[in-house]
Amino acid sequence: MVAEKLDKEDVHLAIVGDGPFRNELEAMISRLRLDSRVHLVGAVPHAKLRLWYSAADVFCLASHREGWPNVILESPACGTSVVATRAGGIPDILSSDILGLLTERDERQIFSAIFAALSKKWILEELVEHARNHSWNHTAVEVLGVFQSVLNARKMEGAMETAIQA
């Protein structure tokens, strides 16, 4: 367990969100007598998630499947490092170990990555800057640039075809 390896009494796990496995998690937490350390927070309004990210020492997303999860950018935007599995677009977001740690979806490897993240000295400014460079506005400007380059290329092709036909 992370708390024992770190030799700290104040290690807690907050599971934010809800889902079909809540009852199983509650039973497991009770069976393992982790009620004082593991907290099932439940659903949290999006506007309040920043409070949870900011309070955490590390954020973990142990997904089996993902697209491009915003939480991988939201957590660093709040200055909190990330441990995440190599699912979907996550490796594209966590493209460097200065931003977070990637791991396989295996409980021992996730444990090791969380322990490494808790032991590492993260540079807050780098976390926040990476998130800032992937904001909705920044992404929209990049996508617009791609569209403009495609349109410009099409215009050039059309101009070349016109010149050849003339």
N, C-alpha and C. Protein backbone atom coordinates (compact mmCIF):
# COMPACT_ATOMS: atom_id res chain seq x y z
N MET A 1 0.83 -1.18 0.00
CA MET A 1 0.00 0.00 0.00
C MET A 1 0.88 1.25 0.00
N VAL A 2 0.44 2.27 -0.69
CA VAL A 2 1.21 3.50 -0.84
C VAL A 2 1.55 4.11 0.51
N ALA A 3 0.58 4.19 1.40
CA ALA A 3 0.80 4.82 2.72
C ALA A 3 1.92 4.13 3.48
N GLU A 4 1.93 2.81 3.45
CA GLU A 4 2.97 2.07 4.18
C GLU A 4 4.33 2.26 3.54
N LYS A 5 4.39 2.26 2.22
CA LYS A 5 5.68 2.44 1.54
C LYS A 5 6.22 3.85 1.77
N LEU A 6 5.35 4.84 1.83
CA LEU A 6 5.79 6.21 2.09
C LEU A 6 5.98 6.47 3.57
N ASP A 7 5.53 5.53 4.41
CA ASP A 7 5.61 5.68 5.86
C ASP A 7 4.89 6.95 6.32
N LYS A 8 3.68 7.13 5.79
CA LYS A 8 2.89 8.31 6.14
C LYS A 8 1.50 7.86 6.56
N GLU A 9 1.00 8.51 7.57
CA GLU A 9 -0.35 8.20 8.05
C GLU A 9 -1.42 8.98 7.31
N ASP A 10 -1.03 10.07 6.65
CA ASP A 10 -2.03 10.96 6.07
C ASP A 10 -2.28 10.72 4.57
N VAL A 11 -1.98 9.54 4.08
CA VAL A 11 -2.23 9.23 2.67
C VAL A 11 -3.69 8.81 2.53
N HIS A 12 -4.37 9.49 1.60
CA HIS A 12 -5.77 9.19 1.34
C HIS A 12 -6.00 9.07 -0.15
N LEU A 13 -6.99 8.28 -0.52
CA LEU A 13 -7.40 8.12 -1.91
C LEU A 13 -8.83 8.64 -2.03
N ALA A 14 -9.01 9.61 -2.90
CA ALA A 14 -10.36 10.12 -3.18
C ALA A 14 -10.73 9.67 -4.58
N ILE A 15 -11.82 8.96 -4.70
CA ILE A 15 -12.31 8.51 -6.01
C ILE A 15 -13.48 9.42 -6.35
N VAL A 16 -13.24 10.29 -7.34
CA VAL A 16 -14.23 11.27 -7.76
C VAL A 16 -14.94 10.73 -8.99
N GLY A 17 -16.25 10.77 -8.97
CA GLY A 17 -17.06 10.25 -10.07
C GLY A 17 -17.93 9.12 -9.56
N ASP A 18 -18.77 8.65 -10.42
CA ASP A 18 -19.69 7.58 -10.04
C ASP A 18 -19.78 6.58 -11.17
N GLY A 19 -20.29 5.43 -10.89
CA GLY A 19 -20.42 4.43 -11.93
C GLY A 19 -21.01 3.15 -11.39
N PRO A 20 -21.10 2.17 -12.26
CA PRO A 20 -21.77 0.92 -11.91
C PRO A 20 -21.01 0.06 -10.89
N PHE A 21 -19.76 0.36 -10.61
CA PHE A 21 -18.98 -0.45 -9.68
C PHE A 21 -18.92 0.12 -8.27
N ARG A 22 -19.71 1.15 -8.03
CA ARG A 22 -19.66 1.80 -6.72
C ARG A 22 -19.93 0.83 -5.57
N ASN A 23 -20.96 0.00 -5.70
CA ASN A 23 -21.29 -0.94 -4.62
C ASN A 23 -20.15 -1.92 -4.37
N GLU A 24 -19.52 -2.40 -5.46
CA GLU A 24 -18.39 -3.30 -5.31
C GLU A 24 -17.22 -2.61 -4.61
N LEU A 25 -16.98 -1.35 -4.99
CA LEU A 25 -15.90 -0.59 -4.35
C LEU A 25 -16.17 -0.38 -2.87
N GLU A 26 -17.39 -0.03 -2.54
CA GLU A 26 -17.75 0.16 -1.13
C GLU A 26 -17.51 -1.11 -0.33
N ALA A 27 -17.92 -2.25 -0.90
CA ALA A 27 -17.74 -3.53 -0.21
C ALA A 27 -16.25 -3.85 -0.05
N MET A 28 -15.46 -3.60 -1.09
CA MET A 28 -14.02 -3.87 -1.03
C MET A 28 -13.34 -2.97 0.00
N ILE A 29 -13.69 -1.71 0.00
CA ILE A 29 -13.11 -0.76 0.97
C ILE A 29 -13.42 -1.20 2.39
N SER A 30 -14.65 -1.62 2.61
CA SER A 30 -15.06 -2.08 3.94
C SER A 30 -14.33 -3.37 4.31
N ARG A 31 -14.29 -4.32 3.37
CA ARG A 31 -13.64 -5.61 3.63
C ARG A 31 -12.15 -5.43 3.95
N LEU A 32 -11.50 -4.50 3.29
CA LEU A 32 -10.07 -4.26 3.51
C LEU A 32 -9.80 -3.26 4.64
N ARG A 33 -10.89 -2.81 5.26
CA ARG A 33 -10.81 -1.85 6.37
C ARG A 33 -10.04 -0.59 5.99
N LEU A 34 -10.42 -0.04 4.83
CA LEU A 34 -9.78 1.18 4.33
C LEU A 34 -10.71 2.38 4.40
N ASP A 35 -11.79 2.26 5.15
CA ASP A 35 -12.79 3.33 5.24
C ASP A 35 -12.19 4.68 5.63
N SER A 36 -11.15 4.68 6.44
CA SER A 36 -10.56 5.94 6.89
C SER A 36 -9.59 6.54 5.86
N ARG A 37 -9.22 5.76 4.83
CA ARG A 37 -8.26 6.24 3.84
C ARG A 37 -8.83 6.40 2.43
N VAL A 38 -9.84 5.63 2.10
CA VAL A 38 -10.41 5.65 0.75
C VAL A 38 -11.79 6.29 0.81
N HIS A 39 -11.98 7.32 0.01
CA HIS A 39 -13.21 8.10 0.06
C HIS A 39 -13.87 8.12 -1.31
N LEU A 40 -15.08 7.61 -1.38
CA LEU A 40 -15.86 7.64 -2.62
C LEU A 40 -16.64 8.94 -2.63
N VAL A 41 -16.14 9.90 -3.36
CA VAL A 41 -16.70 11.25 -3.37
C VAL A 41 -18.00 11.30 -4.16
N GLY A 42 -18.07 10.54 -5.23
CA GLY A 42 -19.24 10.58 -6.10
C GLY A 42 -19.07 11.64 -7.18
N ALA A 43 -20.17 11.93 -7.86
CA ALA A 43 -20.14 12.91 -8.94
C ALA A 43 -19.88 14.31 -8.37
N VAL A 44 -19.07 15.07 -9.07
CA VAL A 44 -18.72 16.43 -8.68
C VAL A 44 -19.00 17.34 -9.88
N PRO A 45 -19.68 18.46 -9.68
CA PRO A 45 -19.91 19.38 -10.80
C PRO A 45 -18.58 19.81 -11.42
N HIS A 46 -18.55 19.92 -12.74
CA HIS A 46 -17.32 20.25 -13.46
C HIS A 46 -16.63 21.49 -12.89
N ALA A 47 -17.41 22.49 -12.53
CA ALA A 47 -16.85 23.74 -12.01
C ALA A 47 -16.10 23.55 -10.69
N LYS A 48 -16.37 22.45 -9.98
CA LYS A 48 -15.72 22.22 -8.69
C LYS A 48 -14.58 21.21 -8.77
N LEU A 49 -14.36 20.62 -9.95
CA LEU A 49 -13.29 19.64 -10.07
C LEU A 49 -11.93 20.25 -9.78
N ARG A 50 -11.75 21.52 -10.14
CA ARG A 50 -10.45 22.17 -9.91
C ARG A 50 -10.07 22.12 -8.43
N LEU A 51 -11.04 22.14 -7.55
CA LEU A 51 -10.74 22.06 -6.12
C LEU A 51 -10.14 20.70 -5.77
N TRP A 52 -10.65 19.65 -6.37
CA TRP A 52 -10.14 18.31 -6.13
C TRP A 52 -8.75 18.13 -6.74
N TYR A 53 -8.58 18.62 -7.99
CA TYR A 53 -7.25 18.53 -8.62
C TYR A 53 -6.22 19.27 -7.77
N SER A 54 -6.56 20.47 -7.35
CA SER A 54 -5.62 21.30 -6.59
C SER A 54 -5.27 20.70 -5.24
N ALA A 55 -6.19 19.98 -4.65
CA ALA A 55 -5.96 19.38 -3.33
C ALA A 55 -5.13 18.10 -3.42
N ALA A 56 -5.07 17.51 -4.60
CA ALA A 56 -4.39 16.22 -4.76
C ALA A 56 -2.88 16.39 -4.91
N ASP A 57 -2.16 15.38 -4.50
CA ASP A 57 -0.72 15.32 -4.73
C ASP A 57 -0.43 14.69 -6.09
N VAL A 58 -1.32 13.81 -6.52
CA VAL A 58 -1.21 13.18 -7.83
C VAL A 58 -2.61 12.77 -8.27
N PHE A 59 -2.85 12.86 -9.58
CA PHE A 59 -4.12 12.43 -10.17
C PHE A 59 -3.84 11.16 -10.96
N CYS A 60 -4.71 10.16 -10.83
CA CYS A 60 -4.52 8.90 -11.54
C CYS A 60 -5.75 8.58 -12.39
N LEU A 61 -5.49 8.25 -13.65
CA LEU A 61 -6.55 7.80 -14.56
C LEU A 61 -6.11 6.43 -15.10
N ALA A 62 -6.73 5.38 -14.60
CA ALA A 62 -6.35 4.01 -14.94
C ALA A 62 -7.33 3.41 -15.94
N SER A 63 -7.57 4.13 -17.02
CA SER A 63 -8.56 3.71 -18.01
C SER A 63 -8.09 2.54 -18.86
N HIS A 64 -9.07 1.77 -19.27
CA HIS A 64 -8.83 0.68 -20.23
C HIS A 64 -8.96 1.22 -21.65
N ARG A 65 -9.96 2.11 -21.84
CA ARG A 65 -10.18 2.76 -23.14
C ARG A 65 -10.40 4.24 -22.90
N GLU A 66 -9.90 5.05 -23.81
CA GLU A 66 -10.07 6.51 -23.71
C GLU A 66 -10.01 7.10 -25.10
N GLY A 67 -10.50 8.32 -25.20
CA GLY A 67 -10.31 9.13 -26.39
C GLY A 67 -9.19 10.11 -26.08
N TRP A 68 -9.57 11.36 -25.92
CA TRP A 68 -8.65 12.43 -25.53
C TRP A 68 -9.20 13.01 -24.24
N PRO A 69 -8.89 12.41 -23.08
CA PRO A 69 -9.53 12.81 -21.83
C PRO A 69 -9.07 14.19 -21.34
N ASN A 70 -10.01 15.09 -21.19
CA ASN A 70 -9.71 16.44 -20.70
C ASN A 70 -9.09 16.44 -19.32
N VAL A 71 -9.42 15.45 -18.51
CA VAL A 71 -8.88 15.41 -17.14
C VAL A 71 -7.36 15.36 -17.12
N ILE A 72 -6.76 14.84 -18.19
CA ILE A 72 -5.30 14.75 -18.28
C ILE A 72 -4.69 16.13 -18.48
N LEU A 73 -5.48 17.08 -18.93
CA LEU A 73 -5.01 18.47 -19.04
C LEU A 73 -5.51 19.31 -17.87
N GLU A 74 -6.68 18.99 -17.35
CA GLU A 74 -7.25 19.77 -16.26
C GLU A 74 -6.40 19.64 -14.99
N SER A 75 -5.95 18.44 -14.70
CA SER A 75 -5.15 18.23 -13.50
C SER A 75 -3.84 19.02 -13.53
N PRO A 76 -3.03 18.93 -14.61
CA PRO A 76 -1.81 19.75 -14.65
C PRO A 76 -2.10 21.26 -14.64
N ALA A 77 -3.24 21.66 -15.22
CA ALA A 77 -3.60 23.08 -15.20
C ALA A 77 -3.76 23.57 -13.77
N CYS A 78 -4.08 22.66 -12.86
CA CYS A 78 -4.20 22.99 -11.43
C CYS A 78 -2.91 22.71 -10.67
N GLY A 79 -1.86 22.33 -11.40
CA GLY A 79 -0.56 22.09 -10.78
C GLY A 79 -0.38 20.71 -10.21
N THR A 80 -1.21 19.76 -10.62
CA THR A 80 -1.13 18.40 -10.09
C THR A 80 -0.65 17.44 -11.16
N SER A 81 0.35 16.65 -10.83
CA SER A 81 0.90 15.69 -11.79
C SER A 81 -0.10 14.57 -12.04
N VAL A 82 0.17 13.81 -13.10
CA VAL A 82 -0.75 12.77 -13.55
C VAL A 82 -0.03 11.44 -13.69
N VAL A 83 -0.72 10.38 -13.29
CA VAL A 83 -0.33 9.01 -13.61
C VAL A 83 -1.49 8.46 -14.42
N ALA A 84 -1.19 7.94 -15.60
CA ALA A 84 -2.27 7.43 -16.45
C ALA A 84 -1.80 6.23 -17.27
N THR A 85 -2.76 5.43 -17.66
CA THR A 85 -2.47 4.27 -18.49
C THR A 85 -2.32 4.71 -19.95
N ARG A 86 -1.70 3.86 -20.73
CA ARG A 86 -1.45 4.14 -22.15
C ARG A 86 -2.68 3.78 -22.98
N ALA A 87 -3.77 4.46 -22.72
CA ALA A 87 -5.02 4.19 -23.43
C ALA A 87 -5.38 5.37 -24.32
N GLY A 88 -5.86 5.09 -25.52
CA GLY A 88 -6.33 6.13 -26.43
C GLY A 88 -5.31 7.22 -26.66
N GLY A 89 -5.74 8.47 -26.50
CA GLY A 89 -4.89 9.63 -26.76
C GLY A 89 -4.03 10.05 -25.58
N ILE A 90 -4.08 9.32 -24.48
CA ILE A 90 -3.33 9.71 -23.29
C ILE A 90 -1.83 9.85 -23.56
N PRO A 91 -1.18 8.91 -24.27
CA PRO A 91 0.26 9.09 -24.53
C PRO A 91 0.56 10.34 -25.36
N ASP A 92 -0.37 10.79 -26.19
CA ASP A 92 -0.17 12.02 -26.95
C ASP A 92 -0.21 13.23 -26.04
N ILE A 93 -1.03 13.17 -25.01
CA ILE A 93 -1.14 14.30 -24.07
C ILE A 93 0.05 14.30 -23.12
N LEU A 94 0.36 13.14 -22.55
CA LEU A 94 1.49 13.01 -21.63
C LEU A 94 2.72 12.61 -22.44
N SER A 95 3.17 13.53 -23.25
CA SER A 95 4.26 13.24 -24.18
C SER A 95 5.64 13.33 -23.55
N SER A 96 5.70 13.67 -22.27
CA SER A 96 6.97 13.81 -21.58
C SER A 96 6.78 13.50 -20.10
N ASP A 97 7.82 12.95 -19.48
CA ASP A 97 7.70 12.63 -18.05
C ASP A 97 7.82 13.87 -17.16
N ILE A 98 7.96 15.05 -17.76
CA ILE A 98 7.87 16.27 -16.95
C ILE A 98 6.41 16.63 -16.70
N LEU A 99 5.49 15.98 -17.44
CA LEU A 99 4.07 16.27 -17.35
C LEU A 99 3.31 15.24 -16.53
N GLY A 100 3.80 14.02 -16.55
CA GLY A 100 3.12 12.94 -15.86
C GLY A 100 3.78 11.63 -16.21
N LEU A 101 3.28 10.57 -15.64
CA LEU A 101 3.86 9.26 -15.86
C LEU A 101 2.85 8.32 -16.50
N LEU A 102 3.30 7.63 -17.53
CA LEU A 102 2.48 6.63 -18.19
C LEU A 102 2.79 5.26 -17.62
N THR A 103 1.78 4.43 -17.55
CA THR A 103 1.97 3.08 -17.02
C THR A 103 1.02 2.12 -17.73
N GLU A 104 1.28 0.85 -17.54
CA GLU A 104 0.36 -0.16 -18.05
C GLU A 104 -0.81 -0.30 -17.08
N ARG A 105 -1.90 -0.85 -17.55
CA ARG A 105 -3.08 -1.04 -16.70
C ARG A 105 -2.93 -2.33 -15.91
N ASP A 106 -2.06 -2.28 -14.95
CA ASP A 106 -1.73 -3.41 -14.09
C ASP A 106 -1.56 -2.82 -12.68
N GLU A 107 -2.19 -3.42 -11.69
CA GLU A 107 -2.20 -2.82 -10.36
C GLU A 107 -0.81 -2.58 -9.78
N ARG A 108 0.12 -3.48 -10.01
CA ARG A 108 1.48 -3.27 -9.48
C ARG A 108 2.19 -2.13 -10.20
N GLN A 109 2.00 -2.05 -11.52
CA GLN A 109 2.65 -0.98 -12.27
C GLN A 109 2.01 0.38 -11.95
N ILE A 110 0.70 0.39 -11.76
CA ILE A 110 0.04 1.63 -11.37
C ILE A 110 0.54 2.07 -10.00
N PHE A 111 0.63 1.13 -9.06
CA PHE A 111 1.17 1.43 -7.73
C PHE A 111 2.57 2.03 -7.84
N SER A 112 3.43 1.40 -8.64
CA SER A 112 4.81 1.89 -8.80
C SER A 112 4.83 3.30 -9.38
N ALA A 113 3.96 3.55 -10.37
CA ALA A 113 3.91 4.87 -11.00
C ALA A 113 3.40 5.92 -10.02
N ILE A 114 2.39 5.58 -9.23
CA ILE A 114 1.88 6.52 -8.22
C ILE A 114 2.97 6.81 -7.19
N PHE A 115 3.65 5.77 -6.73
CA PHE A 115 4.73 5.95 -5.76
C PHE A 115 5.82 6.85 -6.36
N ALA A 116 6.18 6.61 -7.63
CA ALA A 116 7.20 7.43 -8.29
C ALA A 116 6.73 8.88 -8.40
N ALA A 117 5.45 9.08 -8.75
CA ALA A 117 4.91 10.44 -8.89
C ALA A 117 4.91 11.17 -7.55
N LEU A 118 4.58 10.45 -6.48
CA LEU A 118 4.57 11.07 -5.15
C LEU A 118 5.98 11.39 -4.67
N SER A 119 6.96 10.67 -5.17
CA SER A 119 8.35 10.87 -4.76
C SER A 119 9.08 11.90 -5.60
N LYS A 120 8.52 12.22 -6.76
CA LYS A 120 9.20 13.11 -7.71
C LYS A 120 8.92 14.58 -7.39
N LYS A 121 9.90 15.42 -7.67
CA LYS A 121 9.73 16.87 -7.54
C LYS A 121 9.23 17.40 -8.88
N TRP A 122 7.99 17.80 -8.94
CA TRP A 122 7.38 18.30 -10.17
C TRP A 122 7.58 19.80 -10.25
N ILE A 123 7.73 20.30 -11.46
CA ILE A 123 7.88 21.74 -11.67
C ILE A 123 6.51 22.29 -12.08
N LEU A 124 5.88 22.95 -11.15
CA LEU A 124 4.53 23.46 -11.31
C LEU A 124 4.35 24.25 -12.61
N GLU A 125 5.29 25.14 -12.91
CA GLU A 125 5.17 25.99 -14.10
C GLU A 125 5.11 25.16 -15.38
N GLU A 126 5.86 24.06 -15.44
CA GLU A 126 5.85 23.20 -16.63
C GLU A 126 4.52 22.49 -16.78
N LEU A 127 3.95 22.04 -15.67
CA LEU A 127 2.64 21.39 -15.72
C LEU A 127 1.57 22.35 -16.24
N VAL A 128 1.55 23.53 -15.66
CA VAL A 128 0.53 24.53 -16.01
C VAL A 128 0.73 25.01 -17.45
N GLU A 129 1.97 25.23 -17.86
CA GLU A 129 2.25 25.70 -19.22
C GLU A 129 1.81 24.68 -20.26
N HIS A 130 2.05 23.41 -20.00
CA HIS A 130 1.62 22.36 -20.94
C HIS A 130 0.10 22.39 -21.10
N ALA A 131 -0.60 22.48 -19.99
CA ALA A 131 -2.06 22.54 -20.05
C ALA A 131 -2.52 23.79 -20.79
N ARG A 132 -1.87 24.91 -20.52
CA ARG A 132 -2.22 26.17 -21.18
C ARG A 132 -2.04 26.05 -22.70
N ASN A 133 -1.01 25.35 -23.14
CA ASN A 133 -0.75 25.18 -24.57
C ASN A 133 -1.71 24.21 -25.24
N HIS A 134 -2.56 23.57 -24.46
CA HIS A 134 -3.56 22.66 -25.01
C HIS A 134 -4.98 23.10 -24.64
N SER A 135 -5.15 24.39 -24.40
CA SER A 135 -6.48 24.91 -24.07
C SER A 135 -7.39 24.81 -25.28
N TRP A 136 -8.68 25.01 -25.06
CA TRP A 136 -9.64 24.97 -26.18
C TRP A 136 -9.29 26.04 -27.21
N ASN A 137 -8.93 27.25 -26.75
CA ASN A 137 -8.58 28.32 -27.69
C ASN A 137 -7.35 27.96 -28.51
N HIS A 138 -6.32 27.47 -27.84
CA HIS A 138 -5.09 27.09 -28.52
C HIS A 138 -5.35 25.99 -29.54
N THR A 139 -6.13 24.99 -29.14
CA THR A 139 -6.46 23.88 -30.03
C THR A 139 -7.27 24.36 -31.22
N ALA A 140 -8.22 25.27 -30.99
CA ALA A 140 -9.03 25.81 -32.08
C ALA A 140 -8.16 26.56 -33.09
N VAL A 141 -7.19 27.32 -32.62
CA VAL A 141 -6.27 28.04 -33.51
C VAL A 141 -5.45 27.05 -34.34
N GLU A 142 -4.99 25.98 -33.71
CA GLU A 142 -4.23 24.96 -34.44
C GLU A 142 -5.09 24.29 -35.50
N VAL A 143 -6.32 23.93 -35.17
CA VAL A 143 -7.22 23.30 -36.14
C VAL A 143 -7.52 24.26 -37.28
N LEU A 144 -7.76 25.52 -36.97
CA LEU A 144 -8.00 26.53 -38.00
C LEU A 144 -6.79 26.62 -38.94
N GLY A 145 -5.59 26.56 -38.37
CA GLY A 145 -4.38 26.59 -39.19
C GLY A 145 -4.31 25.41 -40.15
N VAL A 146 -4.70 24.24 -39.68
CA VAL A 146 -4.73 23.05 -40.55
C VAL A 146 -5.72 23.25 -41.68
N PHE A 147 -6.92 23.73 -41.34
CA PHE A 147 -7.93 23.98 -42.39
C PHE A 147 -7.43 25.00 -43.40
N GLN A 148 -6.81 26.07 -42.91
CA GLN A 148 -6.31 27.11 -43.82
C GLN A 148 -5.22 26.57 -44.73
N SER A 149 -4.34 25.73 -44.20
CA SER A 149 -3.28 25.17 -45.05
C SER A 149 -3.86 24.25 -46.11
N VAL A 150 -4.89 23.49 -45.77
CA VAL A 150 -5.55 22.62 -46.75
C VAL A 150 -6.23 23.48 -47.82
N LEU A 151 -6.93 24.51 -47.41
CA LEU A 151 -7.59 25.40 -48.38
C LEU A 151 -6.58 26.10 -49.28
N ASN A 152 -5.47 26.55 -48.69
CA ASN A 152 -4.43 27.20 -49.48
C ASN A 152 -3.82 26.23 -50.48
N ALA A 153 -3.62 25.00 -50.08
CA ALA A 153 -3.08 23.99 -50.98
C ALA A 153 -4.05 23.73 -52.13
N ARG A 154 -5.34 23.68 -51.82
CA ARG A 154 -6.36 23.47 -52.87
C ARG A 154 -6.38 24.64 -53.84
N LYS A 155 -6.25 25.86 -53.31
CA LYS A 155 -6.21 27.05 -54.17
C LYS A 155 -5.01 26.99 -55.10
N MET A 156 -3.85 26.56 -54.55
CA MET A 156 -2.64 26.45 -55.37
C MET A 156 -2.81 25.40 -56.46
N GLU A 157 -3.44 24.26 -56.10
CA GLU A 157 -3.69 23.22 -57.10
C GLU A 157 -4.58 23.75 -58.20
N GLY A 158 -5.63 24.46 -57.81
CA GLY A 158 -6.56 25.04 -58.78
C GLY A 158 -5.87 26.05 -59.69
N ALA A 159 -5.01 26.88 -59.11
CA ALA A 159 -4.29 27.88 -59.90
C ALA A 159 -3.33 27.20 -60.86
N MET A 160 -2.69 26.13 -60.41
CA MET A 160 -1.76 25.40 -61.28
C MET A 160 -2.50 24.74 -62.42
N GLU A 161 -3.67 24.14 -62.12
CA GLU A 161 -4.47 23.50 -63.18
C GLU A 161 -4.93 24.52 -64.20
N THR A 162 -5.32 25.69 -63.72
CA THR A 162 -5.77 26.76 -64.62
C THR A 162 -4.61 27.22 -65.51
N ALA A 163 -3.43 27.35 -64.91
CA ALA A 163 -2.25 27.78 -65.65
C ALA A 163 -1.86 26.74 -66.69
N ILE A 164 -1.95 25.49 -66.37
CA ILE A 164 -1.60 24.39 -67.30
C ILE A 164 -2.59 24.36 -68.46
N GLN A 165 -3.86 24.56 -68.15
CA GLN A 165 -4.89 24.51 -69.20
C GLN A 165 -4.80 25.73 -70.11
N ALA A 166 -4.26 26.81 -69.67
CA ALA A 166 -4.21 28.05 -70.48
C ALA A 166 -3.14 27.99 -71.49
